[in-house]
């Protein structure tokens, strides 16, 4: 187990996007690691999260966008169930 006094660094979305853009424009991962004090694992994770997934219809989205869509779908399904129950209650009156 790691030392509990060590805290994980968190980086904002703009920084992550900048690092991924550096990689996409040809900067080697090892160079990015040394310049910004990041691990290769972290950089590759950010790259994977921002890599677009292409659909058959030609559209694309990132895994993060997909996750957000799943959360929104779940929220809307719950909302729909609540509205159905409310409608049934009001229909009885």
PDB file of N, CA and C in Angstrom:
ATOM      1  N   UNK A   1       0.840  -1.189   0.000  1.00  0.00           N
ATOM      2  CA  UNK A   1       0.000   0.000   0.000  1.00  0.00           C
ATOM      3  C   UNK A   1       0.875   1.238   0.000  1.00  0.00           C
ATOM      4  N   UNK A   2       0.370   2.308  -0.592  1.00  0.00           N
ATOM      5  CA  UNK A   2       1.126   3.549  -0.659  1.00  0.00           C
ATOM      6  C   UNK A   2       1.034   4.332   0.629  1.00  0.00           C
ATOM      7  N   UNK A   3       1.869   5.309   0.719  1.00  0.00           N
ATOM      8  CA  UNK A   3       1.880   6.190   1.875  1.00  0.00           C
ATOM      9  C   UNK A   3       0.599   7.017   1.864  1.00  0.00           C
ATOM     10  N   UNK A   4      -0.145   7.012   2.961  1.00  0.00           N
ATOM     11  CA  UNK A   4      -1.422   7.714   2.996  1.00  0.00           C
ATOM     12  C   UNK A   4      -1.262   9.226   3.024  1.00  0.00           C
ATOM     13  N   UNK A   5      -0.057   9.702   3.341  1.00  0.00           N
ATOM     14  CA  UNK A   5       0.141  11.145   3.362  1.00  0.00           C
ATOM     15  C   UNK A   5       0.363  11.700   1.952  1.00  0.00           C
ATOM     16  N   UNK A   6       0.635  10.818   0.979  1.00  0.00           N
ATOM     17  CA  UNK A   6       0.801  11.270  -0.402  1.00  0.00           C
ATOM     18  C   UNK A   6      -0.577  11.508  -1.004  1.00  0.00           C
ATOM     19  N   UNK A   7      -0.735  12.626  -1.689  1.00  0.00           N
ATOM     20  CA  UNK A   7      -2.002  12.934  -2.325  1.00  0.00           C
ATOM     21  C   UNK A   7      -1.837  12.835  -3.832  1.00  0.00           C
ATOM     22  N   UNK A   8      -2.864  12.330  -4.485  1.00  0.00           N
ATOM     23  CA  UNK A   8      -2.849  12.261  -5.936  1.00  0.00           C
ATOM     24  C   UNK A   8      -3.069  13.659  -6.489  1.00  0.00           C
ATOM     25  N   UNK A   9      -2.316  13.985  -7.503  1.00  0.00           N
ATOM     26  CA  UNK A   9      -2.505  15.282  -8.144  1.00  0.00           C
ATOM     27  C   UNK A   9      -3.729  15.195  -9.042  1.00  0.00           C
ATOM     28  N   UNK A  10      -4.454  16.296  -9.119  1.00  0.00           N
ATOM     29  CA  UNK A  10      -5.563  16.342 -10.066  1.00  0.00           C
ATOM     30  C   UNK A  10      -5.294  17.470 -11.050  1.00  0.00           C
ATOM     31  N   UNK A  11      -5.661  17.228 -12.269  1.00  0.00           N
ATOM     32  CA  UNK A  11      -5.409  18.180 -13.341  1.00  0.00           C
ATOM     33  C   UNK A  11      -6.733  18.576 -13.971  1.00  0.00           C
ATOM     34  N   UNK A  12      -6.844  19.834 -14.369  1.00  0.00           N
ATOM     35  CA  UNK A  12      -8.088  20.285 -14.975  1.00  0.00           C
ATOM     36  C   UNK A  12      -8.193  19.789 -16.420  1.00  0.00           C
ATOM     37  N   UNK A  13      -9.393  19.877 -16.965  1.00  0.00           N
ATOM     38  CA  UNK A  13      -9.662  19.358 -18.307  1.00  0.00           C
ATOM     39  C   UNK A  13      -8.810  20.043 -19.366  1.00  0.00           C
ATOM     40  N   UNK A  14      -8.572  21.344 -19.209  1.00  0.00           N
ATOM     41  CA  UNK A  14      -7.781  22.078 -20.202  1.00  0.00           C
ATOM     42  C   UNK A  14      -6.352  21.547 -20.260  1.00  0.00           C
ATOM     43  N   UNK A  15      -5.776  21.251 -19.100  1.00  0.00           N
ATOM     44  CA  UNK A  15      -4.415  20.721 -19.058  1.00  0.00           C
ATOM     45  C   UNK A  15      -4.364  19.351 -19.727  1.00  0.00           C
ATOM     46  N   UNK A  16      -5.336  18.502 -19.415  1.00  0.00           N
ATOM     47  CA  UNK A  16      -5.379  17.168 -20.014  1.00  0.00           C
ATOM     48  C   UNK A  16      -5.500  17.256 -21.535  1.00  0.00           C
ATOM     49  N   UNK A  17      -6.371  18.145 -22.006  1.00  0.00           N
ATOM     50  CA  UNK A  17      -6.546  18.322 -23.448  1.00  0.00           C
ATOM     51  C   UNK A  17      -5.265  18.812 -24.101  1.00  0.00           C
ATOM     52  N   UNK A  18      -4.548  19.706 -23.426  1.00  0.00           N
ATOM     53  CA  UNK A  18      -3.295  20.226 -23.957  1.00  0.00           C
ATOM     54  C   UNK A  18      -2.254  19.114 -24.084  1.00  0.00           C
ATOM     55  N   UNK A  19      -2.177  18.257 -23.070  1.00  0.00           N
ATOM     56  CA  UNK A  19      -1.227  17.143 -23.098  1.00  0.00           C
ATOM     57  C   UNK A  19      -1.575  16.183 -24.237  1.00  0.00           C
ATOM     58  N   UNK A  20      -2.850  15.863 -24.390  1.00  0.00           N
ATOM     59  CA  UNK A  20      -3.277  14.963 -25.470  1.00  0.00           C
ATOM     60  C   UNK A  20      -2.986  15.590 -26.829  1.00  0.00           C
ATOM     61  N   UNK A  21      -3.204  16.888 -26.945  1.00  0.00           N
ATOM     62  CA  UNK A  21      -2.919  17.581 -28.208  1.00  0.00           C
ATOM     63  C   UNK A  21      -1.426  17.540 -28.528  1.00  0.00           C
ATOM     64  N   UNK A  22      -0.579  17.689 -27.514  1.00  0.00           N
ATOM     65  CA  UNK A  22       0.865  17.565 -27.732  1.00  0.00           C
ATOM     66  C   UNK A  22       1.194  16.196 -28.316  1.00  0.00           C
ATOM     67  N   UNK A  23       0.595  15.162 -27.742  1.00  0.00           N
ATOM     68  CA  UNK A  23       0.821  13.797 -28.233  1.00  0.00           C
ATOM     69  C   UNK A  23       0.331  13.659 -29.678  1.00  0.00           C
ATOM     70  N   UNK A  24      -0.867  14.181 -29.948  1.00  0.00           N
ATOM     71  CA  UNK A  24      -1.458  14.046 -31.279  1.00  0.00           C
ATOM     72  C   UNK A  24      -0.690  14.813 -32.347  1.00  0.00           C
ATOM     73  N   UNK A  25       0.053  15.833 -31.941  1.00  0.00           N
ATOM     74  CA  UNK A  25       0.839  16.597 -32.914  1.00  0.00           C
ATOM     75  C   UNK A  25       2.264  16.076 -33.035  1.00  0.00           C
ATOM     76  N   UNK A  26       2.543  14.932 -32.387  1.00  0.00           N
ATOM     77  CA  UNK A  26       3.825  14.281 -32.603  1.00  0.00           C
ATOM     78  C   UNK A  26       4.843  14.351 -31.488  1.00  0.00           C
ATOM     79  N   UNK A  27       4.526  15.002 -30.388  1.00  0.00           N
ATOM     80  CA  UNK A  27       5.471  15.055 -29.269  1.00  0.00           C
ATOM     81  C   UNK A  27       5.526  13.676 -28.616  1.00  0.00           C
ATOM     82  N   UNK A  28       6.716  13.098 -28.452  1.00  0.00           N
ATOM     83  CA  UNK A  28       6.818  11.774 -27.829  1.00  0.00           C
ATOM     84  C   UNK A  28       6.326  11.784 -26.378  1.00  0.00           C
ATOM     85  N   UNK A  29       5.703  10.689 -25.976  1.00  0.00           N
ATOM     86  CA  UNK A  29       5.160  10.575 -24.620  1.00  0.00           C
ATOM     87  C   UNK A  29       6.256  10.764 -23.578  1.00  0.00           C
ATOM     88  N   UNK A  30       7.423  10.194 -23.809  1.00  0.00           N
ATOM     89  CA  UNK A  30       8.525  10.329 -22.842  1.00  0.00           C
ATOM     90  C   UNK A  30       8.909  11.795 -22.645  1.00  0.00           C
ATOM     91  N   UNK A  31       8.873  12.570 -23.717  1.00  0.00           N
ATOM     92  CA  UNK A  31       9.196  13.997 -23.617  1.00  0.00           C
ATOM     93  C   UNK A  31       8.122  14.725 -22.804  1.00  0.00           C
ATOM     94  N   UNK A  32       6.870  14.407 -23.056  1.00  0.00           N
ATOM     95  CA  UNK A  32       5.772  15.026 -22.302  1.00  0.00           C
ATOM     96  C   UNK A  32       5.903  14.677 -20.817  1.00  0.00           C
ATOM     97  N   UNK A  33       6.243  13.406 -20.543  1.00  0.00           N
ATOM     98  CA  UNK A  33       6.421  12.959 -19.154  1.00  0.00           C
ATOM     99  C   UNK A  33       7.479  13.790 -18.444  1.00  0.00           C
ATOM    100  N   UNK A  34       8.617  13.955 -19.094  1.00  0.00           N
ATOM    101  CA  UNK A  34       9.715  14.676 -18.438  1.00  0.00           C
ATOM    102  C   UNK A  34       9.420  16.166 -18.307  1.00  0.00           C
ATOM    103  N   UNK A  35       8.738  16.751 -19.283  1.00  0.00           N
ATOM    104  CA  UNK A  35       8.444  18.189 -19.230  1.00  0.00           C
ATOM    105  C   UNK A  35       7.383  18.537 -18.192  1.00  0.00           C
ATOM    106  N   UNK A  36       6.416  17.648 -17.992  1.00  0.00           N
ATOM    107  CA  UNK A  36       5.285  17.977 -17.122  1.00  0.00           C
ATOM    108  C   UNK A  36       5.214  17.122 -15.864  1.00  0.00           C
ATOM    109  N   UNK A  37       6.174  16.217 -15.673  1.00  0.00           N
ATOM    110  CA  UNK A  37       6.189  15.393 -14.471  1.00  0.00           C
ATOM    111  C   UNK A  37       5.030  14.420 -14.383  1.00  0.00           C
ATOM    112  N   UNK A  38       4.647  13.870 -15.517  1.00  0.00           N
ATOM    113  CA  UNK A  38       3.532  12.927 -15.570  1.00  0.00           C
ATOM    114  C   UNK A  38       4.048  11.525 -15.849  1.00  0.00           C
ATOM    115  N   UNK A  39       3.267  10.529 -15.473  1.00  0.00           N
ATOM    116  CA  UNK A  39       3.640   9.153 -15.808  1.00  0.00           C
ATOM    117  C   UNK A  39       3.084   8.808 -17.187  1.00  0.00           C
ATOM    118  N   UNK A  40       3.722   7.847 -17.839  1.00  0.00           N
ATOM    119  CA  UNK A  40       3.237   7.402 -19.149  1.00  0.00           C
ATOM    120  C   UNK A  40       1.823   6.845 -19.026  1.00  0.00           C
ATOM    121  N   UNK A  41       1.564   6.128 -17.948  1.00  0.00           N
ATOM    122  CA  UNK A  41       0.239   5.542 -17.730  1.00  0.00           C
ATOM    123  C   UNK A  41      -0.835   6.622 -17.707  1.00  0.00           C
ATOM    124  N   UNK A  42      -0.553   7.713 -17.014  1.00  0.00           N
ATOM    125  CA  UNK A  42      -1.510   8.820 -16.929  1.00  0.00           C
ATOM    126  C   UNK A  42      -1.780   9.405 -18.307  1.00  0.00           C
ATOM    127  N   UNK A  43      -0.721   9.646 -19.063  1.00  0.00           N
ATOM    128  CA  UNK A  43      -0.882  10.239 -20.394  1.00  0.00           C
ATOM    129  C   UNK A  43      -1.681   9.316 -21.304  1.00  0.00           C
ATOM    130  N   UNK A  44      -1.338   8.032 -21.320  1.00  0.00           N
ATOM    131  CA  UNK A  44      -2.065   7.095 -22.179  1.00  0.00           C
ATOM    132  C   UNK A  44      -3.528   6.964 -21.762  1.00  0.00           C
ATOM    133  N   UNK A  45      -3.811   7.085 -20.464  1.00  0.00           N
ATOM    134  CA  UNK A  45      -5.195   7.048 -19.988  1.00  0.00           C
ATOM    135  C   UNK A  45      -5.960   8.253 -20.531  1.00  0.00           C
ATOM    136  N   UNK A  46      -5.341   9.437 -20.477  1.00  0.00           N
ATOM    137  CA  UNK A  46      -5.992  10.640 -21.000  1.00  0.00           C
ATOM    138  C   UNK A  46      -6.205  10.532 -22.502  1.00  0.00           C
ATOM    139  N   UNK A  47      -5.244   9.981 -23.209  1.00  0.00           N
ATOM    140  CA  UNK A  47      -5.365   9.807 -24.663  1.00  0.00           C
ATOM    141  C   UNK A  47      -6.538   8.882 -24.969  1.00  0.00           C
ATOM    142  N   UNK A  48      -6.619   7.767 -24.258  1.00  0.00           N
ATOM    143  CA  UNK A  48      -7.687   6.788 -24.477  1.00  0.00           C
ATOM    144  C   UNK A  48      -9.058   7.402 -24.192  1.00  0.00           C
ATOM    145  N   UNK A  49      -9.145   8.215 -23.135  1.00  0.00           N
ATOM    146  CA  UNK A  49     -10.426   8.832 -22.787  1.00  0.00           C
ATOM    147  C   UNK A  49     -10.880   9.847 -23.829  1.00  0.00           C
ATOM    148  N   UNK A  50      -9.939  10.465 -24.529  1.00  0.00           N
ATOM    149  CA  UNK A  50     -10.304  11.481 -25.511  1.00  0.00           C
ATOM    150  C   UNK A  50     -10.363  10.944 -26.936  1.00  0.00           C
ATOM    151  N   UNK A  51      -9.996   9.669 -27.108  1.00  0.00           N
ATOM    152  CA  UNK A  51     -10.019   9.087 -28.449  1.00  0.00           C
ATOM    153  C   UNK A  51     -11.467   8.901 -28.877  1.00  0.00           C
ATOM    154  N   UNK A  52     -11.862   9.493 -29.996  1.00  0.00           N
ATOM    155  CA  UNK A  52     -13.257   9.379 -30.417  1.00  0.00           C
ATOM    156  C   UNK A  52     -13.600   7.965 -30.891  1.00  0.00           C
ATOM    157  N   UNK A  53     -14.836   7.571 -30.605  1.00  0.00           N
ATOM    158  CA  UNK A  53     -15.382   6.305 -31.080  1.00  0.00           C
ATOM    159  C   UNK A  53     -16.247   6.642 -32.281  1.00  0.00           C
ATOM    160  N   UNK A  54     -16.009   5.966 -33.397  1.00  0.00           N
ATOM    161  CA  UNK A  54     -16.773   6.249 -34.615  1.00  0.00           C
ATOM    162  C   UNK A  54     -17.933   5.268 -34.739  1.00  0.00           C
ATOM    163  N   UNK A  55     -19.077   5.801 -35.133  1.00  0.00           N
ATOM    164  CA  UNK A  55     -20.267   4.988 -35.336  1.00  0.00           C
ATOM    165  C   UNK A  55     -20.444   4.687 -36.818  1.00  0.00           C
ATOM    166  N   UNK A  56     -21.333   3.741 -37.121  1.00  0.00           N
ATOM    167  CA  UNK A  56     -21.585   3.359 -38.509  1.00  0.00           C
ATOM    168  C   UNK A  56     -22.105   4.515 -39.354  1.00  0.00           C
ATOM    169  N   UNK A  57     -22.827   5.438 -38.726  1.00  0.00           N
ATOM    170  CA  UNK A  57     -23.395   6.558 -39.483  1.00  0.00           C
ATOM    171  C   UNK A  57     -22.393   7.687 -39.714  1.00  0.00           C
ATOM    172  N   UNK A  58     -21.146   7.498 -39.275  1.00  0.00           N
ATOM    173  CA  UNK A  58     -20.108   8.502 -39.499  1.00  0.00           C
ATOM    174  C   UNK A  58     -19.905   9.458 -38.340  1.00  0.00           C
ATOM    175  N   UNK A  59     -20.831   9.476 -37.395  1.00  0.00           N
ATOM    176  CA  UNK A  59     -20.667  10.360 -36.242  1.00  0.00           C
ATOM    177  C   UNK A  59     -19.671   9.744 -35.265  1.00  0.00           C
ATOM    178  N   UNK A  60     -19.191  10.557 -34.346  1.00  0.00           N
ATOM    179  CA  UNK A  60     -18.239  10.052 -33.358  1.00  0.00           C
ATOM    180  C   UNK A  60     -18.408  10.795 -32.039  1.00  0.00           C
ATOM    181  N   UNK A  61     -17.914  10.178 -30.976  1.00  0.00           N
ATOM    182  CA  UNK A  61     -17.936  10.785 -29.652  1.00  0.00           C
ATOM    183  C   UNK A  61     -16.840  10.150 -28.822  1.00  0.00           C
ATOM    184  N   UNK A  62     -16.472  10.817 -27.732  1.00  0.00           N
ATOM    185  CA  UNK A  62     -15.423  10.296 -26.856  1.00  0.00           C
ATOM    186  C   UNK A  62     -16.052   9.367 -25.816  1.00  0.00           C
ATOM    187  N   UNK A  63     -15.250   8.495 -25.216  1.00  0.00           N
ATOM    188  CA  UNK A  63     -15.789   7.651 -24.139  1.00  0.00           C
ATOM    189  C   UNK A  63     -16.409   8.471 -23.005  1.00  0.00           C
ATOM    190  N   UNK A  64     -15.829   9.629 -22.724  1.00  0.00           N
ATOM    191  CA  UNK A  64     -16.385  10.492 -21.677  1.00  0.00           C
ATOM    192  C   UNK A  64     -17.770  10.997 -22.077  1.00  0.00           C
ATOM    193  N   UNK A  65     -17.932  11.383 -23.352  1.00  0.00           N
ATOM    194  CA  UNK A  65     -19.245  11.816 -23.830  1.00  0.00           C
ATOM    195  C   UNK A  65     -20.248  10.665 -23.750  1.00  0.00           C
ATOM    196  N   UNK A  66     -19.795   9.453 -24.081  1.00  0.00           N
ATOM    197  CA  UNK A  66     -20.657   8.275 -23.999  1.00  0.00           C
ATOM    198  C   UNK A  66     -21.127   8.051 -22.565  1.00  0.00           C
ATOM    199  N   UNK A  67     -20.215   8.168 -21.613  1.00  0.00           N
ATOM    200  CA  UNK A  67     -20.561   8.007 -20.203  1.00  0.00           C
ATOM    201  C   UNK A  67     -21.585   9.057 -19.777  1.00  0.00           C
ATOM    202  N   UNK A  68     -21.390  10.290 -20.214  1.00  0.00           N
ATOM    203  CA  UNK A  68     -22.346  11.356 -19.893  1.00  0.00           C
ATOM    204  C   UNK A  68     -23.715  11.063 -20.495  1.00  0.00           C
ATOM    205  N   UNK A  69     -23.732  10.516 -21.719  1.00  0.00           N
ATOM    206  CA  UNK A  69     -25.001  10.157 -22.354  1.00  0.00           C
ATOM    207  C   UNK A  69     -25.698   9.027 -21.590  1.00  0.00           C
ATOM    208  N   UNK A  70     -24.927   8.060 -21.109  1.00  0.00           N
ATOM    209  CA  UNK A  70     -25.507   6.975 -20.315  1.00  0.00           C
ATOM    210  C   UNK A  70     -26.126   7.514 -19.028  1.00  0.00           C
ATOM    211  N   UNK A  71     -25.431   8.431 -18.368  1.00  0.00           N
ATOM    212  CA  UNK A  71     -25.955   9.025 -17.136  1.00  0.00           C
ATOM    213  C   UNK A  71     -27.238   9.797 -17.413  1.00  0.00           C
ATOM    214  N   UNK A  72     -27.248  10.549 -18.506  1.00  0.00           N
ATOM    215  CA  UNK A  72     -28.433  11.327 -18.882  1.00  0.00           C
ATOM    216  C   UNK A  72     -29.600  10.397 -19.205  1.00  0.00           C
ATOM    217  N   UNK A  73     -29.333   9.310 -19.918  1.00  0.00           N
ATOM    218  CA  UNK A  73     -30.374   8.340 -20.242  1.00  0.00           C
ATOM    219  C   UNK A  73     -30.967   7.751 -18.965  1.00  0.00           C
ATOM    220  N   UNK A  74     -30.121   7.388 -18.027  1.00  0.00           N
ATOM    221  CA  UNK A  74     -30.580   6.827 -16.752  1.00  0.00           C
ATOM    222  C   UNK A  74     -31.458   7.838 -16.008  1.00  0.00           C
ATOM    223  N   UNK A  75     -31.011   9.093 -15.967  1.00  0.00           N
ATOM    224  CA  UNK A  75     -31.775  10.139 -15.280  1.00  0.00           C
ATOM    225  C   UNK A  75     -33.138  10.336 -15.941  1.00  0.00           C
ATOM    226  N   UNK A  76     -33.163  10.345 -17.271  1.00  0.00           N
ATOM    227  CA  UNK A  76     -34.422  10.549 -17.990  1.00  0.00           C
ATOM    228  C   UNK A  76     -35.379   9.367 -17.813  1.00  0.00           C
ATOM    229  N   UNK A  77     -34.837   8.152 -17.752  1.00  0.00           N
ATOM    230  CA  UNK A  77     -35.690   6.983 -17.505  1.00  0.00           C
ATOM    231  C   UNK A  77     -36.335   7.072 -16.128  1.00  0.00           C
ATOM    232  N   UNK A  78     -35.547   7.473 -15.122  1.00  0.00           N
ATOM    233  CA  UNK A  78     -36.099   7.631 -13.774  1.00  0.00           C
ATOM    234  C   UNK A  78     -37.175   8.709 -13.755  1.00  0.00           C
ATOM    235  N   UNK A  79     -36.905   9.814 -14.430  1.00  0.00           N
ATOM    236  CA  UNK A  79     -37.865  10.915 -14.492  1.00  0.00           C
ATOM    237  C   UNK A  79     -39.150  10.458 -15.177  1.00  0.00           C
ATOM    238  N   UNK A  80     -39.007   9.681 -16.236  1.00  0.00           N
ATOM    239  CA  UNK A  80     -40.158   9.169 -16.973  1.00  0.00           C
ATOM    240  C   UNK A  80     -41.020   8.267 -16.088  1.00  0.00           C
ATOM    241  N   UNK A  81     -40.388   7.411 -15.298  1.00  0.00           N
ATOM    242  CA  UNK A  81     -41.124   6.529 -14.388  1.00  0.00           C
ATOM    243  C   UNK A  81     -41.891   7.339 -13.346  1.00  0.00           C
ATOM    244  N   UNK A  82     -41.270   8.380 -12.824  1.00  0.00           N
ATOM    245  CA  UNK A  82     -41.934   9.244 -11.837  1.00  0.00           C
ATOM    246  C   UNK A  82     -43.154   9.911 -12.464  1.00  0.00           C
ATOM    247  N   UNK A  83     -42.996  10.404 -13.687  1.00  0.00           N
ATOM    248  CA  UNK A  83     -44.113  11.063 -14.368  1.00  0.00           C
ATOM    249  C   UNK A  83     -45.244  10.083 -14.678  1.00  0.00           C
ATOM    250  N   UNK A  84     -44.909   8.849 -15.031  1.00  0.00           N
ATOM    251  CA  UNK A  84     -45.941   7.832 -15.284  1.00  0.00           C
ATOM    252  C   UNK A  84     -46.748   7.573 -14.017  1.00  0.00           C
ATOM    253  N   UNK A  85     -46.056   7.466 -12.874  1.00  0.00           N
ATOM    254  CA  UNK A  85     -46.737   7.226 -11.600  1.00  0.00           C
ATOM    255  C   UNK A  85     -47.621   8.414 -11.231  1.00  0.00           C
ATOM    256  N   UNK A  86     -47.117   9.619 -11.455  1.00  0.00           N
ATOM    257  CA  UNK A  86     -47.901  10.818 -11.157  1.00  0.00           C
ATOM    258  C   UNK A  86     -49.135  10.882 -12.051  1.00  0.00           C
ATOM    259  N   UNK A  87     -48.966  10.521 -13.315  1.00  0.00           N
ATOM    260  CA  UNK A  87     -50.085  10.542 -14.249  1.00  0.00           C
ATOM    261  C   UNK A  87     -51.159   9.532 -13.819  1.00  0.00           C
ATOM    262  N   UNK A  88     -50.739   8.374 -13.357  1.00  0.00           N
ATOM    263  CA  UNK A  88     -51.691   7.356 -12.900  1.00  0.00           C
ATOM    264  C   UNK A  88     -52.460   7.851 -11.674  1.00  0.00           C
ATOM    265  N   UNK A  89     -51.779   8.539 -10.774  1.00  0.00           N
ATOM    266  CA  UNK A  89     -52.433   9.074  -9.575  1.00  0.00           C
ATOM    267  C   UNK A  89     -53.464  10.130  -9.957  1.00  0.00           C
ATOM    268  N   UNK A  90     -53.096  11.043 -10.857  1.00  0.00           N
ATOM    269  CA  UNK A  90     -54.021  12.105 -11.256  1.00  0.00           C
ATOM    270  C   UNK A  90     -55.166  11.573 -12.117  1.00  0.00           C
ATOM    271  N   UNK A  91     -54.955  10.493 -12.831  1.00  0.00           N
ATOM    272  CA  UNK A  91     -56.006   9.911 -13.667  1.00  0.00           C
ATOM    273  C   UNK A  91     -57.106   9.288 -12.810  1.00  0.00           C
ATOM    274  N   UNK A  92     -56.769   8.857 -11.594  1.00  0.00           N
ATOM    275  CA  UNK A  92     -57.749   8.256 -10.688  1.00  0.00           C
ATOM    276  C   UNK A  92     -58.700   9.288 -10.112  1.00  0.00           C
ATOM    277  N   UNK A  93     -58.301  10.549 -10.079  1.00  0.00           N
ATOM    278  CA  UNK A  93     -59.123  11.594  -9.450  1.00  0.00           C
ATOM    279  C   UNK A  93     -60.219  12.075 -10.347  1.00  0.00           C
TER     280      UNK A  93
END
